[in-house]
Amino acid sequence: MHEGHRQRMIARLEDHEDSLLDHELLEMLLFNAIPRKNTNELAHALLDKFGSLSALSRANVSAIASVNGIGPNTAAYLRCIFLALERIQPDPVEGFPSAKNYAEFSKLLSSRFRNLQEERIELFATDKDGNILGVESYTSREHNSARIEPRMLSKFFAANDPKALVIAHNHLSGSANPSHADDLFTRRMMAVCAFYGIPLYDHIIVSPTEMFSYHACARFDYISSIPLESLLQDKL
């Protein structure tokens, strides 16, 4: 019976991993540590003891082993998994300069936006030193506009675990100076980033002849004064 249940759980992991609950993930982690026992009950016991996966991940071996049915070997196994996860850091994208090196990063943006015939928004996830961990581009069917849906941001943050965010987008012609719409967009992005606890490091506008950096020009201070209520009528 246990073997059939475990196979069904593994099939769910393969096909519907987003639907797995915390106790089910923990139950599956325990499969290898406890090969011939119902680990569902143990998973519930662990979560009842510590309250959440997050709290369990910070518990030491002795505390984990104090749960009835969890021996020292299983406790050590879980602790090693959580320690390994803590130490995993995303690798910077090879060949990308640091976003904090504006001279080199602006050259990268210039090449990425050169000769585009549509507006594009690019998100750059960075580590604490500005190294690029991931990048995503967004366009729309409209020639002169692009936008980002909140669900896109959520998926981007989940995939890259950034310590900061850099936004870049292009003006198809004319000046790179920000418009009122650009300021509203940036203000809303600041609010969304704050919700996720991820600072917005910069928003860079690229035109065919120049660039504008919100960070370098200290424009974040100005747009911080825009009331959030005014953003409700504007699309992200």
C-alpha atoms as a PDB file:
ATOM      1  CA  MET A   1       0.000   0.000   0.000  1.00  0.00           C
ATOM      2  CA  HIS A   2       2.809   2.408   0.907  1.00  0.00           C
ATOM      3  CA  GLU A   3       4.616   1.692  -2.375  1.00  0.00           C
ATOM      4  CA  GLY A   4       1.536   2.517  -4.446  1.00  0.00           C
ATOM      5  CA  HIS A   5       0.968   5.707  -2.476  1.00  0.00           C
ATOM      6  CA  ARG A   6       4.574   6.785  -2.959  1.00  0.00           C
ATOM      7  CA  GLN A   7       4.382   6.207  -6.694  1.00  0.00           C
ATOM      8  CA  ARG A   8       1.231   8.329  -6.880  1.00  0.00           C
ATOM      9  CA  MET A   9       2.955  11.119  -4.953  1.00  0.00           C
ATOM     10  CA  ILE A  10       5.951  11.002  -7.282  1.00  0.00           C
ATOM     11  CA  ALA A  11       3.588  11.187 -10.275  1.00  0.00           C
ATOM     12  CA  ARG A  12       2.008  14.292  -8.758  1.00  0.00           C
ATOM     13  CA  LEU A  13       5.452  15.823  -8.330  1.00  0.00           C
ATOM     14  CA  GLU A  14       6.131  15.192 -11.998  1.00  0.00           C
ATOM     15  CA  ASP A  15       2.840  16.531 -13.331  1.00  0.00           C
ATOM     16  CA  HIS A  16       1.459  18.957 -10.733  1.00  0.00           C
ATOM     17  CA  GLU A  17       4.283  20.067  -8.450  1.00  0.00           C
ATOM     18  CA  ASP A  18       2.644  23.429  -7.730  1.00  0.00           C
ATOM     19  CA  SER A  19      -0.327  21.674  -6.140  1.00  0.00           C
ATOM     20  CA  LEU A  20       1.724  19.862  -3.481  1.00  0.00           C
ATOM     21  CA  LEU A  21       1.101  21.075   0.070  1.00  0.00           C
ATOM     22  CA  ASP A  22       3.875  21.631   2.608  1.00  0.00           C
ATOM     23  CA  HIS A  23       3.207  18.387   4.468  1.00  0.00           C
ATOM     24  CA  GLU A  24       3.230  16.478   1.164  1.00  0.00           C
ATOM     25  CA  LEU A  25       6.620  17.915   0.189  1.00  0.00           C
ATOM     26  CA  LEU A  26       7.969  16.992   3.597  1.00  0.00           C
ATOM     27  CA  GLU A  27       6.414  13.541   3.340  1.00  0.00           C
ATOM     28  CA  MET A  28       8.261  12.985   0.061  1.00  0.00           C
ATOM     29  CA  LEU A  29      11.544  14.227   1.507  1.00  0.00           C
ATOM     30  CA  LEU A  30      11.206  11.523   4.133  1.00  0.00           C
ATOM     31  CA  PHE A  31      10.724   8.729   1.580  1.00  0.00           C
ATOM     32  CA  ASN A  32      14.472   8.099   1.270  1.00  0.00           C
ATOM     33  CA  ALA A  33      15.218   8.526   4.957  1.00  0.00           C
ATOM     34  CA  ILE A  34      12.429   6.166   6.060  1.00  0.00           C
ATOM     35  CA  PRO A  35      11.862   3.649   3.271  1.00  0.00           C
ATOM     36  CA  ARG A  36       9.283   1.385   4.921  1.00  0.00           C
ATOM     37  CA  LYS A  37       6.994   3.550   6.984  1.00  0.00           C
ATOM     38  CA  ASN A  38       4.061   5.896   6.420  1.00  0.00           C
ATOM     39  CA  THR A  39       5.844   9.243   6.312  1.00  0.00           C
ATOM     40  CA  ASN A  40       2.634  11.253   5.970  1.00  0.00           C
ATOM     41  CA  GLU A  41       1.982  11.056   9.700  1.00  0.00           C
ATOM     42  CA  LEU A  42       5.585  12.024  10.469  1.00  0.00           C
ATOM     43  CA  ALA A  43       5.349  15.017   8.142  1.00  0.00           C
ATOM     44  CA  HIS A  44       2.264  16.228   9.988  1.00  0.00           C
ATOM     45  CA  ALA A  45       3.981  15.650  13.338  1.00  0.00           C
ATOM     46  CA  LEU A  46       6.981  17.739  12.268  1.00  0.00           C
ATOM     47  CA  LEU A  47       4.813  20.611  11.068  1.00  0.00           C
ATOM     48  CA  ASP A  48       2.696  20.446  14.235  1.00  0.00           C
ATOM     49  CA  LYS A  49       5.883  20.709  16.294  1.00  0.00           C
ATOM     50  CA  PHE A  50       7.567  23.559  14.382  1.00  0.00           C
ATOM     51  CA  GLY A  51       4.597  25.298  12.791  1.00  0.00           C
ATOM     52  CA  SER A  52       5.949  25.642   9.258  1.00  0.00           C
ATOM     53  CA  LEU A  53       8.538  24.370   6.802  1.00  0.00           C
ATOM     54  CA  SER A  54      10.443  27.602   7.301  1.00  0.00           C
ATOM     55  CA  ALA A  55      10.711  27.087  11.049  1.00  0.00           C
ATOM     56  CA  LEU A  56      11.632  23.430  10.582  1.00  0.00           C
ATOM     57  CA  SER A  57      14.409  24.430   8.175  1.00  0.00           C
ATOM     58  CA  ARG A  58      16.055  26.448  10.975  1.00  0.00           C
ATOM     59  CA  ALA A  59      15.785  23.760  13.642  1.00  0.00           C
ATOM     60  CA  ASN A  60      18.894  21.860  14.776  1.00  0.00           C
ATOM     61  CA  VAL A  61      19.301  18.089  14.698  1.00  0.00           C
ATOM     62  CA  SER A  62      18.395  17.583  18.350  1.00  0.00           C
ATOM     63  CA  ALA A  63      15.161  19.542  18.032  1.00  0.00           C
ATOM     64  CA  ILE A  64      14.104  17.650  14.911  1.00  0.00           C
ATOM     65  CA  ALA A  65      14.977  14.306  16.512  1.00  0.00           C
ATOM     66  CA  SER A  66      12.773  15.131  19.505  1.00  0.00           C
ATOM     67  CA  VAL A  67       9.678  14.499  17.382  1.00  0.00           C
ATOM     68  CA  ASN A  68       8.305  11.040  18.054  1.00  0.00           C
ATOM     69  CA  GLY A  69       9.224   8.697  15.202  1.00  0.00           C
ATOM     70  CA  ILE A  70      12.090  10.847  13.926  1.00  0.00           C
ATOM     71  CA  GLY A  71      15.444   9.335  14.855  1.00  0.00           C
ATOM     72  CA  PRO A  72      18.842  11.067  14.824  1.00  0.00           C
ATOM     73  CA  ASN A  73      19.706   9.792  11.344  1.00  0.00           C
ATOM     74  CA  THR A  74      16.491  11.136   9.832  1.00  0.00           C
ATOM     75  CA  ALA A  75      16.946  14.411  11.704  1.00  0.00           C
ATOM     76  CA  ALA A  76      20.489  14.721  10.331  1.00  0.00           C
ATOM     77  CA  TYR A  77      19.220  13.930   6.834  1.00  0.00           C
ATOM     78  CA  LEU A  78      16.642  16.734   6.975  1.00  0.00           C
ATOM     79  CA  ARG A  79      19.129  19.174   8.499  1.00  0.00           C
ATOM     80  CA  CYS A  80      21.632  18.500   5.707  1.00  0.00           C
ATOM     81  CA  ILE A  81      18.966  19.156   3.070  1.00  0.00           C
ATOM     82  CA  PHE A  82      18.006  22.481   4.622  1.00  0.00           C
ATOM     83  CA  LEU A  83      21.649  23.529   5.046  1.00  0.00           C
ATOM     84  CA  ALA A  84      22.376  22.690   1.420  1.00  0.00           C
ATOM     85  CA  LEU A  85      19.412  24.817   0.295  1.00  0.00           C
ATOM     86  CA  GLU A  86      20.686  27.739   2.369  1.00  0.00           C
ATOM     87  CA  ARG A  87      24.056  27.551   0.649  1.00  0.00           C
ATOM     88  CA  ILE A  88      22.773  27.338  -2.906  1.00  0.00           C
ATOM     89  CA  GLN A  89      23.217  30.687  -4.645  1.00  0.00           C
ATOM     90  CA  PRO A  90      22.211  31.366  -8.238  1.00  0.00           C
ATOM     91  CA  ASP A  91      25.175  31.688 -10.601  1.00  0.00           C
ATOM     92  CA  PRO A  92      25.588  35.012 -12.422  1.00  0.00           C
ATOM     93  CA  VAL A  93      24.781  34.976 -16.132  1.00  0.00           C
ATOM     94  CA  GLU A  94      28.072  34.407 -17.912  1.00  0.00           C
ATOM     95  CA  GLY A  95      29.325  37.355 -19.938  1.00  0.00           C
ATOM     96  CA  PHE A  96      27.012  39.970 -18.397  1.00  0.00           C
ATOM     97  CA  PRO A  97      28.651  42.924 -16.609  1.00  0.00           C
ATOM     98  CA  SER A  98      27.529  43.997 -13.162  1.00  0.00           C
ATOM     99  CA  ALA A  99      24.529  46.325 -13.199  1.00  0.00           C
ATOM    100  CA  LYS A 100      26.485  48.528 -10.802  1.00  0.00           C
ATOM    101  CA  ASN A 101      29.147  49.087 -13.469  1.00  0.00           C
ATOM    102  CA  TYR A 102      27.045  51.599 -15.378  1.00  0.00           C
ATOM    103  CA  ALA A 103      29.584  52.194 -18.164  1.00  0.00           C
ATOM    104  CA  GLU A 104      29.731  48.508 -19.110  1.00  0.00           C
ATOM    105  CA  PHE A 105      26.085  47.752 -18.375  1.00  0.00           C
ATOM    106  CA  SER A 106      24.951  50.620 -20.604  1.00  0.00           C
ATOM    107  CA  LYS A 107      26.969  49.105 -23.464  1.00  0.00           C
ATOM    108  CA  LEU A 108      25.114  45.824 -22.939  1.00  0.00           C
ATOM    109  CA  LEU A 109      21.750  47.609 -23.034  1.00  0.00           C
ATOM    110  CA  SER A 110      22.713  49.553 -26.126  1.00  0.00           C
ATOM    111  CA  SER A 111      23.425  46.321 -27.998  1.00  0.00           C
ATOM    112  CA  ARG A 112      20.266  44.593 -26.728  1.00  0.00           C
ATOM    113  CA  PHE A 113      17.946  47.436 -27.746  1.00  0.00           C
ATOM    114  CA  ARG A 114      19.672  48.442 -30.976  1.00  0.00           C
ATOM    115  CA  ASN A 115      17.423  48.579 -34.074  1.00  0.00           C
ATOM    116  CA  LEU A 116      14.289  47.373 -32.288  1.00  0.00           C
ATOM    117  CA  GLN A 117      11.030  48.256 -34.024  1.00  0.00           C
ATOM    118  CA  GLU A 118       8.870  47.761 -30.929  1.00  0.00           C
ATOM    119  CA  GLU A 119       8.954  48.786 -27.305  1.00  0.00           C
ATOM    120  CA  ARG A 120      10.465  46.225 -24.966  1.00  0.00           C
ATOM    121  CA  ILE A 121      10.802  45.980 -21.201  1.00  0.00           C
ATOM    122  CA  GLU A 122      13.644  43.922 -19.772  1.00  0.00           C
ATOM    123  CA  LEU A 123      13.988  42.803 -16.173  1.00  0.00           C
ATOM    124  CA  PHE A 124      17.409  41.980 -14.746  1.00  0.00           C
ATOM    125  CA  ALA A 125      17.586  40.041 -11.495  1.00  0.00           C
ATOM    126  CA  THR A 126      20.807  40.764  -9.615  1.00  0.00           C
ATOM    127  CA  ASP A 127      22.652  39.560  -6.549  1.00  0.00           C
ATOM    128  CA  LYS A 128      23.799  41.972  -3.822  1.00  0.00           C
ATOM    129  CA  ASP A 129      26.850  42.940  -5.892  1.00  0.00           C
ATOM    130  CA  GLY A 130      24.854  43.737  -9.027  1.00  0.00           C
ATOM    131  CA  ASN A 131      25.799  40.545 -10.879  1.00  0.00           C
ATOM    132  CA  ILE A 132      23.046  39.474 -13.279  1.00  0.00           C
ATOM    133  CA  LEU A 133      21.296  36.257 -12.231  1.00  0.00           C
ATOM    134  CA  GLY A 134      18.574  36.218 -14.865  1.00  0.00           C
ATOM    135  CA  VAL A 135      16.901  38.347 -17.511  1.00  0.00           C
ATOM    136  CA  GLU A 136      13.431  38.351 -19.042  1.00  0.00           C
ATOM    137  CA  SER A 137      12.063  40.423 -21.939  1.00  0.00           C
ATOM    138  CA  TYR A 138       8.465  41.565 -22.373  1.00  0.00           C
ATOM    139  CA  THR A 139       6.828  43.025 -25.459  1.00  0.00           C
ATOM    140  CA  SER A 140       3.263  43.385 -26.672  1.00  0.00           C
ATOM    141  CA  ARG A 141       1.458  43.337 -29.975  1.00  0.00           C
ATOM    142  CA  GLU A 142       1.270  47.110 -29.808  1.00  0.00           C
ATOM    143  CA  HIS A 143       4.136  48.795 -31.649  1.00  0.00           C
ATOM    144  CA  ASN A 144       4.748  51.584 -29.127  1.00  0.00           C
ATOM    145  CA  SER A 145       3.912  50.100 -25.735  1.00  0.00           C
ATOM    146  CA  ALA A 146       4.813  47.207 -23.493  1.00  0.00           C
ATOM    147  CA  ARG A 147       3.727  46.260 -20.010  1.00  0.00           C
ATOM    148  CA  ILE A 148       4.277  43.715 -17.274  1.00  0.00           C
ATOM    149  CA  GLU A 149       1.539  41.783 -15.522  1.00  0.00           C
ATOM    150  CA  PRO A 150       1.975  41.214 -11.759  1.00  0.00           C
ATOM    151  CA  ARG A 151       1.872  37.446 -12.243  1.00  0.00           C
ATOM    152  CA  MET A 152       4.859  37.745 -14.613  1.00  0.00           C
ATOM    153  CA  LEU A 153       6.837  39.506 -11.904  1.00  0.00           C
ATOM    154  CA  SER A 154       5.908  36.867  -9.368  1.00  0.00           C
ATOM    155  CA  LYS A 155       7.180  34.079 -11.633  1.00  0.00           C
ATOM    156  CA  PHE A 156      10.345  36.026 -12.469  1.00  0.00           C
ATOM    157  CA  PHE A 157      11.157  36.601  -8.789  1.00  0.00           C
ATOM    158  CA  ALA A 158      10.456  32.975  -7.920  1.00  0.00           C
ATOM    159  CA  ALA A 159      12.704  31.712 -10.708  1.00  0.00           C
ATOM    160  CA  ASN A 160      15.674  33.976  -9.967  1.00  0.00           C
ATOM    161  CA  ASP A 161      15.542  34.820  -6.241  1.00  0.00           C
ATOM    162  CA  PRO A 162      17.013  38.296  -6.821  1.00  0.00           C
ATOM    163  CA  LYS A 163      18.484  40.578  -4.176  1.00  0.00           C
ATOM    164  CA  ALA A 164      17.687  43.599  -6.375  1.00  0.00           C
ATOM    165  CA  LEU A 165      15.985  44.396  -9.672  1.00  0.00           C
ATOM    166  CA  VAL A 166      17.024  46.531 -12.636  1.00  0.00           C
ATOM    167  CA  ILE A 167      14.472  47.516 -15.275  1.00  0.00           C
ATOM    168  CA  ALA A 168      15.330  48.693 -18.770  1.00  0.00           C
ATOM    169  CA  HIS A 169      13.025  49.774 -21.560  1.00  0.00           C
ATOM    170  CA  ASN A 170      13.352  51.635 -24.811  1.00  0.00           C
ATOM    171  CA  HIS A 171      11.957  54.730 -26.483  1.00  0.00           C
ATOM    172  CA  LEU A 172      11.722  54.091 -30.193  1.00  0.00           C
ATOM    173  CA  SER A 173      12.715  57.642 -31.082  1.00  0.00           C
ATOM    174  CA  GLY A 174      13.676  60.956 -29.563  1.00  0.00           C
ATOM    175  CA  SER A 175      14.921  61.580 -26.048  1.00  0.00           C
ATOM    176  CA  ALA A 176      15.504  59.031 -23.300  1.00  0.00           C
ATOM    177  CA  ASN A 177      14.136  61.464 -20.711  1.00  0.00           C
ATOM    178  CA  PRO A 178      11.298  59.848 -18.745  1.00  0.00           C
ATOM    179  CA  SER A 179       7.712  60.746 -19.539  1.00  0.00           C
ATOM    180  CA  HIS A 180       4.968  61.055 -16.944  1.00  0.00           C
ATOM    181  CA  ALA A 181       3.878  57.535 -17.903  1.00  0.00           C
ATOM    182  CA  ASP A 182       7.431  56.286 -17.314  1.00  0.00           C
ATOM    183  CA  ASP A 183       7.399  57.869 -13.849  1.00  0.00           C
ATOM    184  CA  LEU A 184       4.062  56.254 -13.001  1.00  0.00           C
ATOM    185  CA  PHE A 185       5.302  52.884 -14.236  1.00  0.00           C
ATOM    186  CA  THR A 186       8.481  53.197 -12.167  1.00  0.00           C
ATOM    187  CA  ARG A 187       6.571  54.254  -9.067  1.00  0.00           C
ATOM    188  CA  ARG A 188       4.312  51.252  -9.361  1.00  0.00           C
ATOM    189  CA  MET A 189       7.263  48.945  -9.886  1.00  0.00           C
ATOM    190  CA  MET A 190       8.825  50.371  -6.725  1.00  0.00           C
ATOM    191  CA  ALA A 191       5.657  49.497  -4.820  1.00  0.00           C
ATOM    192  CA  VAL A 192       5.494  45.968  -6.258  1.00  0.00           C
ATOM    193  CA  CYS A 193       9.178  45.353  -5.490  1.00  0.00           C
ATOM    194  CA  ALA A 194       8.663  46.624  -1.934  1.00  0.00           C
ATOM    195  CA  PHE A 195       5.815  44.117  -1.528  1.00  0.00           C
ATOM    196  CA  TYR A 196       8.243  41.298  -2.394  1.00  0.00           C
ATOM    197  CA  GLY A 197      11.058  42.784  -0.295  1.00  0.00           C
ATOM    198  CA  ILE A 198      13.254  43.288  -3.369  1.00  0.00           C
ATOM    199  CA  PRO A 199      14.744  46.762  -3.909  1.00  0.00           C
ATOM    200  CA  LEU A 200      14.471  48.392  -7.319  1.00  0.00           C
ATOM    201  CA  TYR A 201      18.085  49.357  -8.013  1.00  0.00           C
ATOM    202  CA  ASP A 202      17.605  51.168 -11.305  1.00  0.00           C
ATOM    203  CA  HIS A 203      15.307  51.850 -14.228  1.00  0.00           C
ATOM    204  CA  ILE A 204      17.185  52.697 -17.401  1.00  0.00           C
ATOM    205  CA  ILE A 205      15.539  54.157 -20.488  1.00  0.00           C
ATOM    206  CA  VAL A 206      17.282  53.575 -23.816  1.00  0.00           C
ATOM    207  CA  SER A 207      16.654  55.707 -26.901  1.00  0.00           C
ATOM    208  CA  PRO A 208      18.475  55.473 -30.243  1.00  0.00           C
ATOM    209  CA  THR A 209      20.870  58.248 -29.173  1.00  0.00           C
ATOM    210  CA  GLU A 210      21.049  58.305 -25.360  1.00  0.00           C
ATOM    211  CA  MET A 211      20.178  56.691 -22.034  1.00  0.00           C
ATOM    212  CA  PHE A 212      18.576  57.844 -18.809  1.00  0.00           C
ATOM    213  CA  SER A 213      19.203  56.203 -15.421  1.00  0.00           C
ATOM    214  CA  TYR A 214      16.742  56.807 -12.586  1.00  0.00           C
ATOM    215  CA  HIS A 215      19.457  55.774 -10.141  1.00  0.00           C
ATOM    216  CA  ALA A 216      22.231  57.974 -11.555  1.00  0.00           C
ATOM    217  CA  CYS A 217      19.921  60.983 -11.858  1.00  0.00           C
ATOM    218  CA  ALA A 218      18.422  60.490  -8.366  1.00  0.00           C
ATOM    219  CA  ARG A 219      14.919  60.477  -9.844  1.00  0.00           C
ATOM    220  CA  PHE A 220      13.703  57.801  -7.431  1.00  0.00           C
ATOM    221  CA  ASP A 221      13.482  60.517  -4.775  1.00  0.00           C
ATOM    222  CA  TYR A 222      11.187  62.550  -7.015  1.00  0.00           C
ATOM    223  CA  ILE A 223       8.824  59.749  -7.993  1.00  0.00           C
ATOM    224  CA  SER A 224       8.606  58.498  -4.407  1.00  0.00           C
ATOM    225  CA  SER A 225       6.362  61.498  -3.817  1.00  0.00           C
ATOM    226  CA  ILE A 226       3.777  60.238  -6.321  1.00  0.00           C
ATOM    227  CA  PRO A 227       0.764  59.046  -4.275  1.00  0.00           C
ATOM    228  CA  LEU A 228       0.084  55.346  -4.688  1.00  0.00           C
ATOM    229  CA  GLU A 229      -3.596  56.149  -5.151  1.00  0.00           C
ATOM    230  CA  SER A 230      -2.788  57.737  -8.495  1.00  0.00           C
ATOM    231  CA  LEU A 231      -1.449  54.427  -9.755  1.00  0.00           C
ATOM    232  CA  LEU A 232      -4.749  52.582  -9.461  1.00  0.00           C
ATOM    233  CA  GLN A 233      -5.950  53.946 -12.773  1.00  0.00           C
ATOM    234  CA  ASP A 234      -2.729  53.101 -14.614  1.00  0.00           C
ATOM    235  CA  LYS A 235      -1.703  49.740 -16.031  1.00  0.00           C
ATOM    236  CA  LEU A 236       1.582  48.159 -14.991  1.00  0.00           C
END
